[in-house]
Structure formats: structure tokens, C-alpha cells
N, C-alpha and C. Protein backbone atom coordinates (compact mmCIF):
# COMPACT_ATOMS: atom_id res chain seq x y z
N MET A 1 -2.22 -12.68 21.35
CA MET A 1 -1.72 -12.82 20.00
C MET A 1 -0.28 -12.34 19.98
N ALA A 2 0.63 -13.15 19.53
CA ALA A 2 2.05 -12.82 19.48
C ALA A 2 2.48 -12.63 18.04
N ILE A 3 3.24 -11.57 17.79
CA ILE A 3 3.75 -11.31 16.44
C ILE A 3 5.19 -11.80 16.38
N HIS A 4 5.47 -12.58 15.37
CA HIS A 4 6.81 -13.10 15.15
C HIS A 4 7.48 -12.32 14.03
N ASN A 5 8.78 -12.43 13.95
CA ASN A 5 9.53 -11.73 12.91
C ASN A 5 9.08 -12.15 11.52
N SER A 6 9.23 -11.23 10.58
CA SER A 6 8.88 -11.54 9.19
C SER A 6 10.02 -12.31 8.55
N ASN A 7 9.67 -13.01 7.48
CA ASN A 7 10.70 -13.74 6.75
C ASN A 7 10.99 -13.03 5.43
N GLN A 8 11.83 -13.60 4.62
CA GLN A 8 12.23 -12.98 3.36
C GLN A 8 11.11 -12.91 2.34
N ALA A 9 10.08 -13.74 2.46
CA ALA A 9 9.02 -13.80 1.46
C ALA A 9 8.00 -12.68 1.60
N GLY A 10 8.13 -11.82 2.58
CA GLY A 10 7.20 -10.71 2.74
C GLY A 10 5.97 -11.06 3.56
N PHE A 11 6.11 -11.97 4.52
CA PHE A 11 5.01 -12.33 5.40
C PHE A 11 5.43 -12.12 6.83
N GLN A 12 4.45 -11.84 7.66
CA GLN A 12 4.67 -11.73 9.09
C GLN A 12 3.78 -12.79 9.72
N TYR A 13 4.29 -13.50 10.68
CA TYR A 13 3.53 -14.58 11.29
C TYR A 13 2.93 -14.12 12.61
N VAL A 14 1.64 -14.40 12.79
CA VAL A 14 0.94 -14.07 14.02
C VAL A 14 0.39 -15.36 14.59
N LYS A 15 0.72 -15.67 15.82
CA LYS A 15 0.25 -16.90 16.44
C LYS A 15 -1.04 -16.62 17.20
N HIS A 16 -2.08 -17.35 16.86
CA HIS A 16 -3.36 -17.23 17.54
C HIS A 16 -3.43 -18.25 18.66
N ARG A 17 -4.11 -17.89 19.72
CA ARG A 17 -4.24 -18.78 20.87
C ARG A 17 -4.98 -20.06 20.51
N GLU A 18 -6.05 -19.93 19.72
CA GLU A 18 -6.90 -21.09 19.46
C GLU A 18 -6.35 -22.04 18.39
N SER A 19 -5.38 -21.61 17.60
CA SER A 19 -4.83 -22.50 16.58
C SER A 19 -3.35 -22.77 16.85
N LYS A 20 -2.89 -23.87 16.33
CA LYS A 20 -1.49 -24.24 16.53
C LYS A 20 -0.59 -23.62 15.48
N MET A 21 -1.13 -23.38 14.28
CA MET A 21 -0.33 -22.83 13.19
C MET A 21 -0.41 -21.30 13.20
N PRO A 22 0.72 -20.62 13.04
CA PRO A 22 0.68 -19.16 12.96
C PRO A 22 0.05 -18.70 11.64
N LYS A 23 -0.64 -17.57 11.69
CA LYS A 23 -1.29 -17.00 10.51
C LYS A 23 -0.32 -16.04 9.82
N LYS A 24 -0.26 -16.11 8.50
CA LYS A 24 0.61 -15.22 7.74
C LYS A 24 -0.08 -13.89 7.51
N ILE A 25 0.64 -12.80 7.72
CA ILE A 25 0.15 -11.46 7.40
C ILE A 25 1.00 -10.96 6.24
N PRO A 26 0.39 -10.72 5.06
CA PRO A 26 1.19 -10.28 3.92
C PRO A 26 1.77 -8.88 4.13
N LEU A 27 3.02 -8.72 3.78
CA LEU A 27 3.71 -7.44 3.88
C LEU A 27 3.98 -6.90 2.49
N ARG A 28 3.93 -5.58 2.37
CA ARG A 28 4.24 -4.91 1.10
C ARG A 28 5.15 -3.72 1.41
N GLN A 29 5.91 -3.30 0.40
CA GLN A 29 6.83 -2.19 0.58
C GLN A 29 6.20 -0.89 0.10
N CYS A 30 6.26 0.14 0.92
CA CYS A 30 5.77 1.47 0.55
C CYS A 30 6.74 2.08 -0.45
N LEU A 31 6.20 2.70 -1.51
CA LEU A 31 7.04 3.33 -2.52
C LEU A 31 7.70 4.61 -2.02
N GLY A 32 7.12 5.23 -0.98
CA GLY A 32 7.67 6.48 -0.47
C GLY A 32 8.80 6.26 0.52
N CYS A 33 8.50 5.56 1.62
CA CYS A 33 9.50 5.37 2.67
C CYS A 33 10.28 4.07 2.52
N ARG A 34 9.84 3.18 1.62
CA ARG A 34 10.50 1.91 1.32
C ARG A 34 10.50 0.95 2.51
N GLU A 35 9.56 1.12 3.45
CA GLU A 35 9.45 0.22 4.59
C GLU A 35 8.45 -0.88 4.30
N MET A 36 8.71 -2.08 4.83
CA MET A 36 7.77 -3.19 4.71
C MET A 36 6.72 -3.03 5.80
N LYS A 37 5.45 -3.03 5.38
CA LYS A 37 4.34 -2.87 6.32
C LYS A 37 3.23 -3.85 5.95
N PRO A 38 2.35 -4.16 6.91
CA PRO A 38 1.21 -5.02 6.58
C PRO A 38 0.38 -4.43 5.44
N LYS A 39 -0.01 -5.29 4.54
CA LYS A 39 -0.73 -4.89 3.33
C LYS A 39 -1.98 -4.06 3.64
N ARG A 40 -2.69 -4.41 4.69
CA ARG A 40 -3.94 -3.72 5.05
C ARG A 40 -3.73 -2.28 5.49
N GLU A 41 -2.53 -1.93 5.93
CA GLU A 41 -2.23 -0.56 6.39
C GLU A 41 -1.91 0.38 5.24
N LEU A 42 -1.69 -0.15 4.04
CA LEU A 42 -1.24 0.66 2.91
C LEU A 42 -2.38 0.92 1.93
N ILE A 43 -2.22 1.96 1.12
CA ILE A 43 -3.17 2.28 0.06
C ILE A 43 -2.63 1.68 -1.23
N ARG A 44 -3.50 1.03 -2.01
CA ARG A 44 -3.07 0.37 -3.25
C ARG A 44 -3.53 1.16 -4.46
N ALA A 45 -2.60 1.45 -5.35
CA ALA A 45 -2.91 1.99 -6.67
C ALA A 45 -2.69 0.84 -7.64
N VAL A 46 -3.51 0.76 -8.68
CA VAL A 46 -3.43 -0.37 -9.60
C VAL A 46 -3.46 0.10 -11.04
N LYS A 47 -2.67 -0.57 -11.87
CA LYS A 47 -2.69 -0.34 -13.32
C LYS A 47 -3.43 -1.53 -13.92
N SER A 48 -4.58 -1.26 -14.53
CA SER A 48 -5.40 -2.33 -15.10
C SER A 48 -4.73 -2.91 -16.35
N PRO A 49 -5.18 -4.07 -16.79
CA PRO A 49 -4.63 -4.65 -18.03
C PRO A 49 -4.83 -3.73 -19.25
N GLN A 50 -5.81 -2.83 -19.19
CA GLN A 50 -6.04 -1.88 -20.28
C GLN A 50 -5.12 -0.67 -20.18
N GLY A 51 -4.35 -0.56 -19.08
CA GLY A 51 -3.40 0.54 -18.94
C GLY A 51 -3.91 1.70 -18.12
N GLU A 52 -5.10 1.60 -17.53
CA GLU A 52 -5.67 2.69 -16.74
C GLU A 52 -5.19 2.59 -15.30
N VAL A 53 -4.73 3.70 -14.74
CA VAL A 53 -4.26 3.74 -13.36
C VAL A 53 -5.37 4.29 -12.48
N SER A 54 -5.67 3.59 -11.38
CA SER A 54 -6.72 4.02 -10.46
C SER A 54 -6.40 3.54 -9.06
N LEU A 55 -7.18 4.02 -8.08
CA LEU A 55 -7.04 3.56 -6.71
C LEU A 55 -7.85 2.30 -6.52
N ASP A 56 -7.34 1.39 -5.72
CA ASP A 56 -8.02 0.14 -5.43
C ASP A 56 -8.31 0.08 -3.94
N THR A 57 -9.53 0.43 -3.57
CA THR A 57 -9.89 0.44 -2.15
C THR A 57 -10.16 -0.96 -1.61
N THR A 58 -10.51 -1.90 -2.47
CA THR A 58 -10.82 -3.26 -2.03
C THR A 58 -9.58 -4.14 -1.99
N GLY A 59 -8.57 -3.81 -2.78
CA GLY A 59 -7.37 -4.63 -2.85
C GLY A 59 -7.53 -5.84 -3.74
N LYS A 60 -8.61 -5.87 -4.53
CA LYS A 60 -8.89 -7.05 -5.35
C LYS A 60 -9.00 -6.77 -6.84
N LYS A 61 -8.77 -5.53 -7.24
CA LYS A 61 -8.84 -5.23 -8.67
C LYS A 61 -7.71 -5.94 -9.41
N PRO A 62 -7.99 -6.42 -10.63
CA PRO A 62 -6.93 -7.08 -11.39
C PRO A 62 -5.92 -6.06 -11.92
N GLY A 63 -4.69 -6.48 -12.02
CA GLY A 63 -3.66 -5.61 -12.57
C GLY A 63 -2.47 -5.49 -11.63
N ARG A 64 -1.52 -4.69 -12.04
CA ARG A 64 -0.30 -4.49 -11.26
C ARG A 64 -0.56 -3.48 -10.16
N GLY A 65 -0.23 -3.83 -8.94
CA GLY A 65 -0.47 -2.95 -7.80
C GLY A 65 0.80 -2.35 -7.27
N ALA A 66 0.67 -1.16 -6.70
CA ALA A 66 1.77 -0.50 -6.01
C ALA A 66 1.19 0.07 -4.71
N TYR A 67 1.95 0.00 -3.66
CA TYR A 67 1.46 0.37 -2.34
C TYR A 67 2.17 1.59 -1.81
N ILE A 68 1.42 2.40 -1.03
CA ILE A 68 1.97 3.60 -0.42
C ILE A 68 1.33 3.82 0.94
N CYS A 69 2.12 4.31 1.88
CA CYS A 69 1.61 4.59 3.24
C CYS A 69 0.54 5.67 3.18
N PRO A 70 -0.39 5.64 4.12
CA PRO A 70 -1.44 6.67 4.12
C PRO A 70 -1.00 7.97 4.79
N ASN A 71 0.17 8.48 4.45
CA ASN A 71 0.56 9.81 4.94
C ASN A 71 1.13 10.63 3.79
N ALA A 72 0.99 11.91 3.90
CA ALA A 72 1.34 12.82 2.81
C ALA A 72 2.84 12.83 2.49
N GLU A 73 3.67 12.62 3.50
CA GLU A 73 5.12 12.66 3.29
C GLU A 73 5.56 11.53 2.36
N CYS A 74 5.00 10.34 2.54
CA CYS A 74 5.36 9.22 1.67
C CYS A 74 4.89 9.47 0.24
N LEU A 75 3.71 10.06 0.09
CA LEU A 75 3.22 10.37 -1.25
C LEU A 75 4.13 11.39 -1.93
N LYS A 76 4.55 12.41 -1.20
CA LYS A 76 5.46 13.41 -1.76
C LYS A 76 6.75 12.77 -2.25
N ARG A 77 7.31 11.88 -1.42
CA ARG A 77 8.56 11.21 -1.80
C ARG A 77 8.36 10.34 -3.04
N ALA A 78 7.24 9.61 -3.09
CA ALA A 78 6.98 8.71 -4.22
C ALA A 78 6.80 9.50 -5.52
N VAL A 79 6.13 10.67 -5.44
CA VAL A 79 5.92 11.49 -6.63
C VAL A 79 7.23 12.14 -7.06
N LYS A 80 7.98 12.66 -6.08
CA LYS A 80 9.24 13.35 -6.39
C LYS A 80 10.26 12.39 -7.03
N SER A 81 10.33 11.17 -6.52
CA SER A 81 11.29 10.20 -7.05
C SER A 81 10.75 9.43 -8.25
N LYS A 82 9.49 9.72 -8.64
CA LYS A 82 8.81 9.06 -9.75
C LYS A 82 8.70 7.55 -9.55
N ALA A 83 8.59 7.14 -8.28
CA ALA A 83 8.49 5.72 -7.96
C ALA A 83 7.18 5.13 -8.47
N LEU A 84 6.08 5.89 -8.40
CA LEU A 84 4.79 5.40 -8.92
C LEU A 84 4.88 5.19 -10.43
N SER A 85 5.46 6.13 -11.13
CA SER A 85 5.59 6.01 -12.58
C SER A 85 6.46 4.81 -12.96
N ARG A 86 7.54 4.60 -12.23
CA ARG A 86 8.41 3.45 -12.50
C ARG A 86 7.70 2.13 -12.21
N ALA A 87 6.91 2.11 -11.15
CA ALA A 87 6.23 0.87 -10.78
C ALA A 87 5.25 0.42 -11.86
N PHE A 88 4.62 1.38 -12.52
CA PHE A 88 3.62 1.05 -13.54
C PHE A 88 4.14 1.16 -14.96
N GLY A 89 5.26 1.82 -15.15
CA GLY A 89 5.81 1.96 -16.49
C GLY A 89 5.08 2.99 -17.34
N VAL A 90 4.25 3.81 -16.72
CA VAL A 90 3.52 4.88 -17.41
C VAL A 90 3.55 6.13 -16.53
N GLU A 91 3.27 7.27 -17.14
CA GLU A 91 3.17 8.51 -16.39
C GLU A 91 1.87 8.50 -15.59
N ILE A 92 1.93 8.87 -14.31
CA ILE A 92 0.76 8.87 -13.44
C ILE A 92 -0.01 10.17 -13.64
N PRO A 93 -1.32 10.09 -13.95
CA PRO A 93 -2.11 11.31 -14.11
C PRO A 93 -2.21 12.09 -12.79
N GLN A 94 -2.27 13.39 -12.91
CA GLN A 94 -2.37 14.26 -11.74
C GLN A 94 -3.65 13.94 -10.95
N SER A 95 -4.71 13.49 -11.63
CA SER A 95 -5.96 13.17 -10.94
C SER A 95 -5.77 12.01 -9.95
N ILE A 96 -4.95 11.04 -10.29
CA ILE A 96 -4.69 9.92 -9.38
C ILE A 96 -3.92 10.41 -8.15
N ILE A 97 -2.96 11.29 -8.37
CA ILE A 97 -2.20 11.85 -7.25
C ILE A 97 -3.12 12.64 -6.34
N GLU A 98 -4.04 13.41 -6.93
CA GLU A 98 -5.01 14.17 -6.13
C GLU A 98 -5.94 13.25 -5.36
N GLN A 99 -6.35 12.12 -5.98
CA GLN A 99 -7.20 11.16 -5.28
C GLN A 99 -6.46 10.54 -4.09
N LEU A 100 -5.19 10.24 -4.27
CA LEU A 100 -4.39 9.71 -3.18
C LEU A 100 -4.30 10.73 -2.04
N GLN A 101 -4.07 12.00 -2.39
CA GLN A 101 -3.99 13.04 -1.37
C GLN A 101 -5.32 13.18 -0.63
N ALA A 102 -6.43 13.12 -1.37
CA ALA A 102 -7.75 13.24 -0.75
C ALA A 102 -8.01 12.07 0.20
N GLN A 103 -7.61 10.87 -0.22
CA GLN A 103 -7.81 9.70 0.63
C GLN A 103 -6.96 9.81 1.90
N MET A 104 -5.76 10.34 1.77
CA MET A 104 -4.90 10.50 2.94
C MET A 104 -5.46 11.56 3.88
N ASN A 105 -6.01 12.64 3.32
CA ASN A 105 -6.63 13.67 4.15
C ASN A 105 -7.84 13.10 4.88
N GLU A 106 -8.60 12.25 4.20
CA GLU A 106 -9.76 11.61 4.81
C GLU A 106 -9.32 10.70 5.96
N ASN A 107 -8.23 9.97 5.76
CA ASN A 107 -7.70 9.11 6.82
C ASN A 107 -7.23 9.93 8.01
N ASP A 108 -6.61 11.08 7.76
CA ASP A 108 -6.16 11.96 8.84
C ASP A 108 -7.34 12.45 9.67
N ARG A 109 -8.44 12.79 9.01
CA ARG A 109 -9.63 13.28 9.74
C ARG A 109 -10.24 12.18 10.59
N THR A 110 -10.28 10.95 10.09
CA THR A 110 -10.90 9.86 10.86
C THR A 110 -10.01 9.47 12.04
N VAL A 111 -8.71 9.62 11.92
CA VAL A 111 -7.80 9.30 13.01
C VAL A 111 -7.91 10.32 14.13
N THR A 112 -8.05 11.59 13.79
CA THR A 112 -8.12 12.64 14.80
C THR A 112 -9.45 12.69 15.51
N ASN A 113 -10.51 12.17 14.90
CA ASN A 113 -11.85 12.19 15.55
C ASN A 113 -12.05 11.05 16.48
């Protein structure tokens, strides 16, 4: 499997051996480090149409999504710069920030084991 450069639309192309057409991998920008990364590697927070902010583990909840890397440093940067609040246009509850931290700690434990 060969990875090709991404284009301006936020996709990365991966060429599979069995198919002739390359597969698109969606890219999203982390609010903390501002790097473009594959969507599956990032954690998604979502603001529902009712205005409630929550974590989206499936990536399919309706509403406006914002992505962040699964490491504590990116979360610190996003909170300090109020990037999450700007992305949703509302103040982010402390409980959501704590849930993000807990999920990142959980990811750290699974990586080290």
C-alpha cells in the first residue's frame, strides 16, 4: 500500500494493490497543534443542533465537529487558546474537557500495554 501526498481538499490518497483507483483518506486539522492528520487518528467533539457539546466516539453524531489529537499537550493548547470555544461558538463545559482528558489517558494506557 503506497501513500501519496494529500491535496488541498483535505484528503490523502492510498493506492491499493487490488484496485486501480486510489482510496481517499479524509484529513482533519487538530485544534491544538494545527496539523492535518487522518480523521480516524483524532478525537471528535461535536456540538449538537440543540447546542449541547459532547464527545463523539463513533464520528457519526449530527452537528458541528471539531477534532483534536489524542495527546494531552494538544488539548492544553486548544483550551488555552480557546480554539474549542471558537470552533463551536459557545463556552466549553469543564466536564467535556475532563472527558477529553480521560479519553486521552485511556489511550495512553492502551498504547503502553
